Amino acid sequence: MVKSTTYIFLSLIFLSIKSFPQSGEIQHKESELSSIKSEIENLEKELASKSTAQKKTFEAVENLSRQNHLLNKILADLRSEIKKKDSEIKSVENKISQTESEIKVLQDNYSKYVNAIYRKGQYNELESLIDAESVQQALVRTYYLQVFATQRKKDLEELRIKKAELDNAKGILKKEKVAQVKLLNNRDSEKKILDSKLKQKRTTLKSIEKNSKELKKILAAKKESQKKIEQLITKLMEQEAIDNEQKIASINNSDVKSQNIKDENIGYEYDLSTVSFASFADLKGKMIWPMHKGKIIRKFGENKHKSLNTVTLNYGVDIKADKDKNVRSVGEGVIAAIDWLPGYGNVIIVSHKNDYRTVYGHVSEIFVSEGDKVKSGSVIALVDEGIDGYVLHFEIWKGRDKQNPELWLGKK
């Protein structure tokens, strides 16, 4: 009896531990969320302290853009938690279904036993001995009746354990669904805040769209951010090189030689995490556009600003959206980085096979997280609104070399 009670207790504890995140993980997430919300509050206070004139400047736009980036972090975390919660709920529902099936089998078996007793009456050991044709037969009957009775007791005990597990699983499921509703409500609430901030940013942009002083600030910020994108690319390359070396060392140490990761030049694929993807180089000239019906308004290389009469260098192309605001990954890859840069706002970098990377700048709502694998055509974000409307900044890199996206994009 003590063993059975212990088994029930351990089963319930195990199911509870499996279904809920550990306190350390919760505290870490709460600390991160608190830090992000604190930064948003500081930005809101900073903007609120500005005069009416100061609220119609590039700095005000950047303040709101930064807030949007932080809100996207919160939304990304909520999406991840919702996905995890969906998986946990499915796991508990499967456990309930399995336990109910096991209970049904045990109940059916016990029902057959009870019906047999009702029809034939219950023999005891003495009756078995009296009715037996021989002593040997009596002993055999007695033995099997005892085994049968012992098994019935075990079935009853197992039935009790399963019912306790079922009750516990149903309790966990109820809590999980309450938590899921809370997460969904939080997501919807944060989404409304993001939409409100985007609307506020849109209004601020309209107030500076013809202000040459503020427009020059935007161009200067983008110029600096071009350098930061290059630095980000270099940092990613260095980190991926370190990861690659560690993987190669691990393979060599275990004496496992895989034909799938060999390369003619360096012996191995540069990025092992993208080895299963299609060749990115093969997309040249037939690549899908990052926006379905976009139009290039600023080309790769030097561009002259008409109203300011200045020349700027573009590391990629700027594509103006039509009605479709969805931003798509142009090839299979891994979300390598999500960052915020002055002038470009939210920036996503995707690593592809063969040391290629694509950059998607000036996006508003982001639907992916760092580390996510994406397919060609996967919607990763929505394009953000700027001075020129809804314009996506798009770059292609091969190692440290900038590529002209127009040579890669397929003809429409």
Protein backbone atom coordinates (compact mmCIF):
# COMPACT_ATOMS: atom_id res chain seq x y z
CA MET A 1 0.00 0.00 0.00
CA VAL A 2 2.87 2.35 0.86
CA LYS A 3 4.50 1.59 -2.51
CA SER A 4 1.25 2.33 -4.37
CA THR A 5 0.74 5.63 -2.57
CA THR A 6 4.35 6.60 -3.29
CA TYR A 7 3.87 5.71 -6.96
CA ILE A 8 0.77 7.91 -7.23
CA PHE A 9 2.56 10.78 -5.51
CA LEU A 10 5.62 10.55 -7.77
CA SER A 11 3.48 10.24 -10.91
CA LEU A 12 1.53 13.37 -10.05
CA ILE A 13 4.67 15.32 -9.14
CA PHE A 14 6.37 14.28 -12.40
CA LEU A 15 3.39 15.34 -14.49
CA SER A 16 3.21 18.68 -12.69
CA ILE A 17 6.94 19.37 -13.12
CA LYS A 18 6.79 18.43 -16.79
CA SER A 19 3.81 20.71 -17.44
CA PHE A 20 5.04 23.90 -15.77
CA PRO A 21 8.24 25.93 -16.29
CA GLN A 22 10.78 26.01 -13.47
CA SER A 23 10.80 29.00 -11.10
CA GLY A 24 14.30 30.08 -12.24
CA GLU A 25 13.15 30.28 -15.86
CA ILE A 26 10.04 32.24 -14.86
CA GLN A 27 12.09 34.71 -12.79
CA HIS A 28 14.53 35.22 -15.68
CA LYS A 29 11.70 35.94 -18.13
CA GLU A 30 9.96 38.26 -15.66
CA SER A 31 13.24 40.13 -15.14
CA GLU A 32 13.72 40.54 -18.91
CA LEU A 33 10.14 41.71 -19.37
CA SER A 34 10.46 44.17 -16.50
CA SER A 35 13.66 45.58 -18.02
CA ILE A 36 12.02 46.03 -21.45
CA LYS A 37 8.92 47.68 -19.98
CA SER A 38 11.09 49.96 -17.87
CA GLU A 39 12.97 51.07 -21.00
CA ILE A 40 9.67 51.74 -22.80
CA GLU A 41 8.44 53.82 -19.84
CA ASN A 42 11.66 55.86 -19.87
CA LEU A 43 11.28 56.52 -23.60
CA GLU A 44 7.64 57.55 -23.08
CA LYS A 45 8.64 59.96 -20.29
CA GLU A 46 11.43 61.37 -22.43
CA LEU A 47 9.03 62.02 -25.31
CA ALA A 48 6.34 63.45 -23.02
CA SER A 49 8.83 65.96 -21.59
CA LYS A 50 9.51 67.44 -25.04
CA SER A 51 7.89 70.62 -26.28
CA THR A 52 5.35 70.55 -29.12
CA ALA A 53 8.08 71.60 -31.57
CA GLN A 54 10.50 68.94 -30.28
CA LYS A 55 7.84 66.29 -30.79
CA LYS A 56 7.95 67.08 -34.51
CA THR A 57 11.56 66.04 -35.04
CA PHE A 58 13.61 63.09 -36.24
CA GLU A 59 14.53 62.37 -32.61
CA ALA A 60 10.83 61.95 -31.74
CA VAL A 61 10.41 59.52 -34.66
CA GLU A 62 13.43 57.53 -33.45
CA ASN A 63 12.04 57.47 -29.91
CA LEU A 64 8.80 55.91 -31.16
CA SER A 65 10.71 53.58 -33.47
CA ARG A 66 12.78 52.35 -30.52
CA GLN A 67 9.59 51.79 -28.50
CA ASN A 68 8.19 49.75 -31.38
CA HIS A 69 11.32 47.60 -31.40
CA LEU A 70 10.96 46.89 -27.68
CA LEU A 71 7.26 46.09 -28.07
CA ASN A 72 8.21 43.62 -30.81
CA LYS A 73 10.51 41.91 -28.32
CA ILE A 74 7.60 41.52 -25.91
CA LEU A 75 5.35 40.21 -28.70
CA ALA A 76 8.04 37.75 -29.85
CA ASP A 77 8.34 36.40 -26.32
CA LEU A 78 4.56 36.11 -26.01
CA ARG A 79 4.34 34.27 -29.35
CA SER A 80 7.01 31.86 -28.13
CA GLU A 81 5.19 31.33 -24.82
CA ILE A 82 1.86 30.78 -26.61
CA LYS A 83 3.47 28.21 -28.91
CA LYS A 84 5.01 26.45 -25.91
CA LYS A 85 1.70 26.56 -24.05
CA ASP A 86 -0.13 25.07 -27.05
CA SER A 87 2.39 22.21 -27.04
CA GLU A 88 1.98 21.67 -23.29
CA ILE A 89 -1.81 21.63 -23.57
CA LYS A 90 -1.62 19.11 -26.41
CA SER A 91 0.72 16.94 -24.32
CA VAL A 92 -1.66 16.99 -21.33
CA GLU A 93 -4.66 16.29 -23.58
CA ASN A 94 -2.82 13.29 -25.03
CA LYS A 95 -2.03 12.13 -21.49
CA ILE A 96 -5.71 12.44 -20.54
CA SER A 97 -6.80 10.52 -23.64
CA GLN A 98 -4.25 7.77 -22.99
CA THR A 99 -5.21 7.51 -19.30
CA GLU A 100 -8.91 7.38 -20.14
CA SER A 101 -8.23 4.51 -22.57
CA GLU A 102 -6.24 2.64 -19.92
CA ILE A 103 -9.03 3.17 -17.37
CA LYS A 104 -11.58 1.86 -19.89
CA VAL A 105 -9.55 -1.36 -20.37
CA LEU A 106 -9.22 -1.85 -16.60
CA GLN A 107 -12.93 -1.19 -16.06
CA ASP A 108 -13.90 -3.63 -18.83
CA ASN A 109 -11.67 -6.34 -17.36
CA TYR A 110 -13.06 -5.82 -13.88
CA SER A 111 -16.61 -5.77 -15.24
CA LYS A 112 -16.02 -9.17 -16.86
CA TYR A 113 -14.74 -10.48 -13.54
CA VAL A 114 -17.81 -9.21 -11.64
CA ASN A 115 -20.19 -10.65 -14.27
CA ALA A 116 -18.46 -14.03 -14.07
CA ILE A 117 -18.91 -14.08 -10.29
CA TYR A 118 -22.57 -13.07 -10.61
CA ARG A 119 -23.31 -15.84 -13.13
CA LYS A 120 -21.32 -18.66 -11.55
CA GLY A 121 -20.92 -17.61 -7.95
CA GLN A 122 -17.61 -17.13 -6.18
CA TYR A 123 -15.61 -20.22 -5.34
CA ASN A 124 -13.51 -20.26 -2.23
CA GLU A 125 -10.55 -22.53 -1.68
CA LEU A 126 -12.59 -25.06 0.35
CA GLU A 127 -15.22 -25.45 -2.42
CA SER A 128 -12.44 -25.94 -4.94
CA LEU A 129 -11.04 -28.78 -2.88
CA ILE A 130 -14.45 -30.45 -2.38
CA ASP A 131 -15.47 -30.28 -6.06
CA ALA A 132 -12.11 -31.38 -7.36
CA GLU A 133 -11.81 -34.86 -8.82
CA SER A 134 -8.35 -35.22 -7.33
CA VAL A 135 -6.03 -33.56 -4.85
CA GLN A 136 -3.81 -32.42 -7.72
CA GLN A 137 -6.77 -30.74 -9.45
CA ALA A 138 -7.79 -29.07 -6.19
CA LEU A 139 -4.30 -27.66 -5.71
CA VAL A 140 -4.18 -26.36 -9.29
CA ARG A 141 -7.62 -24.74 -8.90
CA THR A 142 -6.65 -23.12 -5.62
CA TYR A 143 -3.42 -21.77 -7.12
CA TYR A 144 -5.14 -20.17 -10.13
CA LEU A 145 -7.96 -18.73 -8.03
CA GLN A 146 -5.37 -17.07 -5.81
CA VAL A 147 -3.49 -15.72 -8.85
CA PHE A 148 -6.79 -14.48 -10.30
CA ALA A 149 -7.76 -12.76 -7.03
CA THR A 150 -4.30 -11.16 -6.72
CA GLN A 151 -4.53 -9.85 -10.28
CA ARG A 152 -7.97 -8.37 -9.59
CA LYS A 153 -6.56 -6.53 -6.56
CA LYS A 154 -3.72 -5.21 -8.71
CA ASP A 155 -6.19 -4.08 -11.37
CA LEU A 156 -8.27 -2.26 -8.76
CA GLU A 157 -5.17 -0.55 -7.39
CA GLU A 158 -4.02 0.41 -10.89
CA LEU A 159 -7.51 1.71 -11.65
CA ARG A 160 -7.32 3.90 -8.54
CA ILE A 161 -3.87 5.19 -9.59
CA LYS A 162 -5.02 5.94 -13.14
CA LYS A 163 -8.08 7.82 -11.88
CA ALA A 164 -5.85 9.91 -9.61
CA GLU A 165 -3.55 10.63 -12.59
CA LEU A 166 -6.57 11.56 -14.70
CA ASP A 167 -7.94 13.95 -12.08
CA ASN A 168 -4.52 15.58 -11.74
CA ALA A 169 -4.07 15.88 -15.51
CA LYS A 170 -7.50 17.50 -15.84
CA GLY A 171 -6.56 19.96 -13.11
CA ILE A 172 -3.31 20.80 -14.91
CA LEU A 173 -5.16 21.18 -18.22
CA LYS A 174 -7.57 23.64 -16.64
CA LYS A 175 -4.65 25.73 -15.30
CA GLU A 176 -2.82 25.53 -18.63
CA LYS A 177 -5.88 26.81 -20.50
CA VAL A 178 -6.30 29.68 -18.05
CA ALA A 179 -2.61 30.56 -18.58
CA GLN A 180 -3.09 30.30 -22.35
CA VAL A 181 -6.02 32.74 -22.29
CA LYS A 182 -3.92 35.14 -20.21
CA LEU A 183 -1.07 34.94 -22.74
CA LEU A 184 -3.44 35.53 -25.66
CA ASN A 185 -4.98 38.54 -23.89
CA ASN A 186 -1.50 39.92 -23.15
CA ARG A 187 -0.52 39.46 -26.80
CA ASP A 188 -3.64 41.27 -28.02
CA SER A 189 -3.06 44.06 -25.50
CA GLU A 190 0.59 44.55 -26.55
CA LYS A 191 -0.45 44.42 -30.22
CA LYS A 192 -2.90 47.29 -29.61
CA ILE A 193 -0.14 49.29 -27.95
CA LEU A 194 2.17 48.62 -30.91
CA ASP A 195 -0.53 49.72 -33.38
CA SER A 196 -1.05 52.88 -31.34
CA LYS A 197 2.68 53.66 -31.35
CA LEU A 198 2.87 53.09 -35.11
CA LYS A 199 -0.03 55.49 -35.61
CA GLN A 200 1.69 58.07 -33.40
CA LYS A 201 4.91 57.62 -35.39
CA ARG A 202 3.00 58.04 -38.66
CA THR A 203 1.61 61.37 -37.45
CA THR A 204 5.08 62.56 -36.41
CA LEU A 205 6.54 61.55 -39.78
CA LYS A 206 3.98 63.68 -41.62
CA SER A 207 5.03 66.69 -39.58
CA ILE A 208 8.67 66.42 -40.74
CA GLU A 209 8.33 65.08 -44.29
CA LYS A 210 9.07 68.50 -45.83
CA ASN A 211 11.55 69.68 -43.21
CA SER A 212 14.98 69.58 -44.90
CA LYS A 213 16.81 69.82 -41.57
CA GLU A 214 15.06 66.71 -40.23
CA LEU A 215 15.43 64.88 -43.55
CA LYS A 216 19.19 65.42 -43.40
CA LYS A 217 19.20 63.86 -39.93
CA ILE A 218 17.47 60.77 -41.35
CA LEU A 219 20.04 60.45 -44.14
CA ALA A 220 22.91 60.90 -41.67
CA ALA A 221 21.45 58.24 -39.37
CA LYS A 222 21.07 55.79 -42.26
CA LYS A 223 24.66 56.43 -43.32
CA GLU A 224 25.88 55.50 -39.84
CA SER A 225 23.56 52.48 -39.73
CA GLN A 226 25.00 51.19 -43.02
CA LYS A 227 28.33 50.85 -41.20
CA LYS A 228 26.60 49.17 -38.25
CA ILE A 229 24.96 46.63 -40.58
CA GLU A 230 28.41 45.84 -41.98
CA GLN A 231 29.70 45.43 -38.41
CA LEU A 232 26.76 43.14 -37.59
CA ILE A 233 27.52 41.00 -40.65
CA THR A 234 31.18 40.75 -39.62
CA LYS A 235 30.22 39.84 -36.05
CA LEU A 236 27.86 37.12 -37.30
CA MET A 237 30.56 35.74 -39.59
CA GLU A 238 33.06 35.60 -36.73
CA GLN A 239 30.58 33.92 -34.40
CA GLU A 240 29.53 31.40 -37.03
CA ALA A 241 33.20 30.67 -37.78
CA ILE A 242 33.78 29.92 -34.08
CA ASP A 243 30.69 27.69 -33.99
CA ASN A 244 31.88 25.95 -37.15
CA GLU A 245 35.35 25.27 -35.70
CA GLN A 246 33.80 23.82 -32.55
CA LYS A 247 31.56 21.53 -34.61
CA ILE A 248 34.50 20.40 -36.75
CA ALA A 249 36.56 19.72 -33.61
CA SER A 250 33.66 17.75 -32.17
CA ILE A 251 33.38 15.69 -35.37
CA ASN A 252 37.14 15.05 -35.47
CA ASN A 253 37.23 14.10 -31.80
CA SER A 254 34.46 11.57 -32.27
CA ASP A 255 36.14 10.23 -35.46
CA VAL A 256 32.92 10.78 -37.41
CA LYS A 257 33.49 11.89 -40.99
CA SER A 258 30.35 13.08 -42.72
CA GLN A 259 30.33 13.36 -46.51
CA ASN A 260 27.49 15.88 -46.26
CA ILE A 261 29.64 18.61 -44.71
CA LYS A 262 32.71 18.47 -46.93
CA ASP A 263 33.69 21.41 -49.11
CA GLU A 264 36.34 21.49 -51.85
CA ASN A 265 38.00 24.66 -50.57
CA ILE A 266 38.00 24.44 -46.78
CA GLY A 267 36.97 20.84 -46.17
CA TYR A 268 33.62 21.71 -44.59
CA GLU A 269 30.57 23.84 -45.22
CA TYR A 270 31.01 27.28 -43.67
CA ASP A 271 27.73 27.20 -41.75
CA LEU A 272 26.75 23.71 -40.66
CA SER A 273 23.34 24.93 -39.46
CA THR A 274 22.31 25.70 -43.06
CA VAL A 275 23.82 22.60 -44.67
CA SER A 276 20.43 21.04 -45.45
CA PHE A 277 19.14 24.16 -47.26
CA ALA A 278 19.04 24.71 -51.00
CA SER A 279 22.00 26.51 -52.56
CA PHE A 280 21.49 30.27 -52.22
CA ALA A 281 23.85 30.98 -55.14
CA ASP A 282 21.42 29.20 -57.49
CA LEU A 283 18.81 31.91 -56.81
CA LYS A 284 20.70 34.59 -58.73
CA GLY A 285 18.50 36.12 -61.41
CA LYS A 286 15.38 34.24 -60.29
CA MET A 287 15.06 35.16 -56.62
CA ILE A 288 11.59 35.96 -55.30
CA TRP A 289 11.05 39.56 -54.25
CA PRO A 290 10.96 40.28 -50.50
CA MET A 291 7.66 42.07 -51.14
CA HIS A 292 5.15 40.66 -53.59
CA LYS A 293 4.45 43.76 -55.69
CA GLY A 294 7.20 46.13 -54.60
CA LYS A 295 8.93 48.74 -56.75
CA ILE A 296 12.58 49.79 -56.36
CA ILE A 297 12.74 53.53 -55.60
CA ARG A 298 16.43 53.70 -54.59
CA LYS A 299 18.99 51.58 -56.39
CA PHE A 300 22.19 49.91 -55.23
CA GLY A 301 25.17 52.29 -55.04
CA GLU A 302 25.01 56.08 -55.33
CA ASN A 303 21.64 57.83 -55.13
CA LYS A 304 20.91 61.55 -55.42
CA HIS A 305 18.29 63.04 -53.12
CA LYS A 306 16.23 65.39 -55.28
CA SER A 307 15.03 67.89 -52.67
CA LEU A 308 18.26 67.97 -50.63
CA ASN A 309 20.57 67.72 -53.66
CA THR A 310 22.85 65.29 -51.81
CA VAL A 311 24.37 61.97 -52.89
CA THR A 312 24.16 58.94 -50.61
CA LEU A 313 25.57 55.43 -50.92
CA ASN A 314 23.07 52.57 -50.70
CA TYR A 315 24.37 49.11 -49.73
CA GLY A 316 21.16 47.52 -51.00
CA VAL A 317 17.91 48.63 -52.62
CA ASP A 318 14.85 50.37 -51.19
CA ILE A 319 11.59 48.77 -52.28
CA LYS A 320 8.27 50.60 -51.97
CA ALA A 321 5.32 48.38 -51.13
CA ASP A 322 2.10 48.26 -53.09
CA LYS A 323 -0.94 47.03 -51.12
CA ASP A 324 0.79 43.93 -49.74
CA LYS A 325 2.87 44.95 -46.69
CA ASN A 326 4.22 41.44 -45.99
CA VAL A 327 8.02 41.05 -45.95
CA ARG A 328 9.21 37.60 -47.10
CA SER A 329 12.47 35.75 -46.71
CA VAL A 330 13.94 35.39 -50.22
CA GLY A 331 15.46 31.98 -49.46
CA GLU A 332 15.82 29.20 -46.91
CA GLY A 333 17.79 30.29 -43.89
CA VAL A 334 18.09 30.96 -40.18
CA ILE A 335 17.12 34.20 -38.43
CA ALA A 336 20.62 35.24 -37.35
CA ALA A 337 19.88 38.64 -35.79
CA ILE A 338 17.06 41.05 -34.98
CA ASP A 339 18.23 44.53 -34.03
CA TRP A 340 17.28 48.19 -34.02
CA LEU A 341 19.30 50.78 -35.94
CA PRO A 342 18.79 54.56 -36.26
CA GLY A 343 17.13 55.50 -39.53
CA TYR A 344 16.18 51.90 -40.33
CA GLY A 345 14.36 50.92 -37.15
CA ASN A 346 13.85 47.16 -36.87
CA VAL A 347 16.38 45.15 -38.89
CA ILE A 348 16.33 41.38 -39.53
CA ILE A 349 19.36 39.45 -40.82
CA VAL A 350 18.89 35.96 -42.28
CA SER A 351 21.85 33.58 -42.75
CA HIS A 352 21.68 31.35 -45.83
CA LYS A 353 23.77 28.53 -47.25
CA ASN A 354 27.20 29.24 -48.83
CA ASP A 355 28.01 32.22 -46.55
CA TYR A 356 25.20 34.43 -47.90
CA ARG A 357 23.07 36.76 -45.77
CA THR A 358 20.09 38.96 -46.49
CA VAL A 359 19.13 42.11 -44.59
CA TYR A 360 15.57 43.42 -44.17
CA GLY A 361 15.47 46.93 -42.71
CA HIS A 362 12.63 49.27 -41.83
CA VAL A 363 10.07 46.67 -40.72
CA SER A 364 7.34 47.21 -38.14
CA GLU A 365 5.74 44.07 -36.68
CA ILE A 366 8.10 41.07 -36.61
CA PHE A 367 6.79 37.48 -36.77
CA VAL A 368 10.04 35.56 -36.17
CA SER A 369 12.64 35.18 -33.43
CA GLU A 370 16.41 34.72 -33.56
CA GLY A 371 17.23 31.08 -34.30
CA ASP A 372 14.03 30.39 -36.25
CA LYS A 373 14.45 28.53 -39.52
CA VAL A 374 12.55 30.05 -42.44
CA LYS A 375 11.65 28.86 -45.92
CA SER A 376 11.76 30.79 -49.15
CA GLY A 377 8.63 32.95 -49.14
CA SER A 378 8.07 32.77 -45.36
CA VAL A 379 6.51 36.01 -44.09
CA ILE A 380 8.89 37.34 -41.44
CA ALA A 381 7.54 40.87 -40.83
CA LEU A 382 5.47 43.80 -42.05
CA VAL A 383 7.13 46.75 -43.75
CA ASP A 384 7.23 49.96 -41.70
CA GLU A 385 6.09 53.40 -42.82
CA GLY A 386 8.63 56.15 -43.40
CA ILE A 387 8.92 59.52 -45.11
CA ASP A 388 8.48 57.89 -48.54
CA GLY A 389 5.64 55.60 -47.46
CA TYR A 390 5.99 51.87 -46.81
CA VAL A 391 9.56 51.21 -47.95
CA LEU A 392 11.70 48.14 -47.24
CA HIS A 393 15.49 48.36 -47.20
CA PHE A 394 16.89 45.11 -48.63
CA GLU A 395 20.52 43.96 -48.86
CA ILE A 396 22.37 40.80 -49.98
CA TRP A 397 25.83 39.92 -48.68
CA LYS A 398 28.31 37.22 -49.69
CA GLY A 399 30.70 37.12 -46.76
CA ARG A 400 31.85 40.74 -46.39
CA ASP A 401 30.99 41.63 -49.99
CA LYS A 402 27.86 43.64 -50.77
CA GLN A 403 25.81 42.33 -53.69
CA ASN A 404 23.56 44.29 -56.04
CA PRO A 405 20.07 42.88 -55.29
CA GLU A 406 18.81 43.89 -58.75
CA LEU A 407 21.11 41.25 -60.27
CA TRP A 408 19.51 38.62 -58.03
CA LEU A 409 15.81 39.45 -58.07
CA GLY A 410 13.72 37.72 -60.71
CA LYS A 411 11.98 39.73 -63.40
CA LYS A 412 8.33 40.51 -62.69
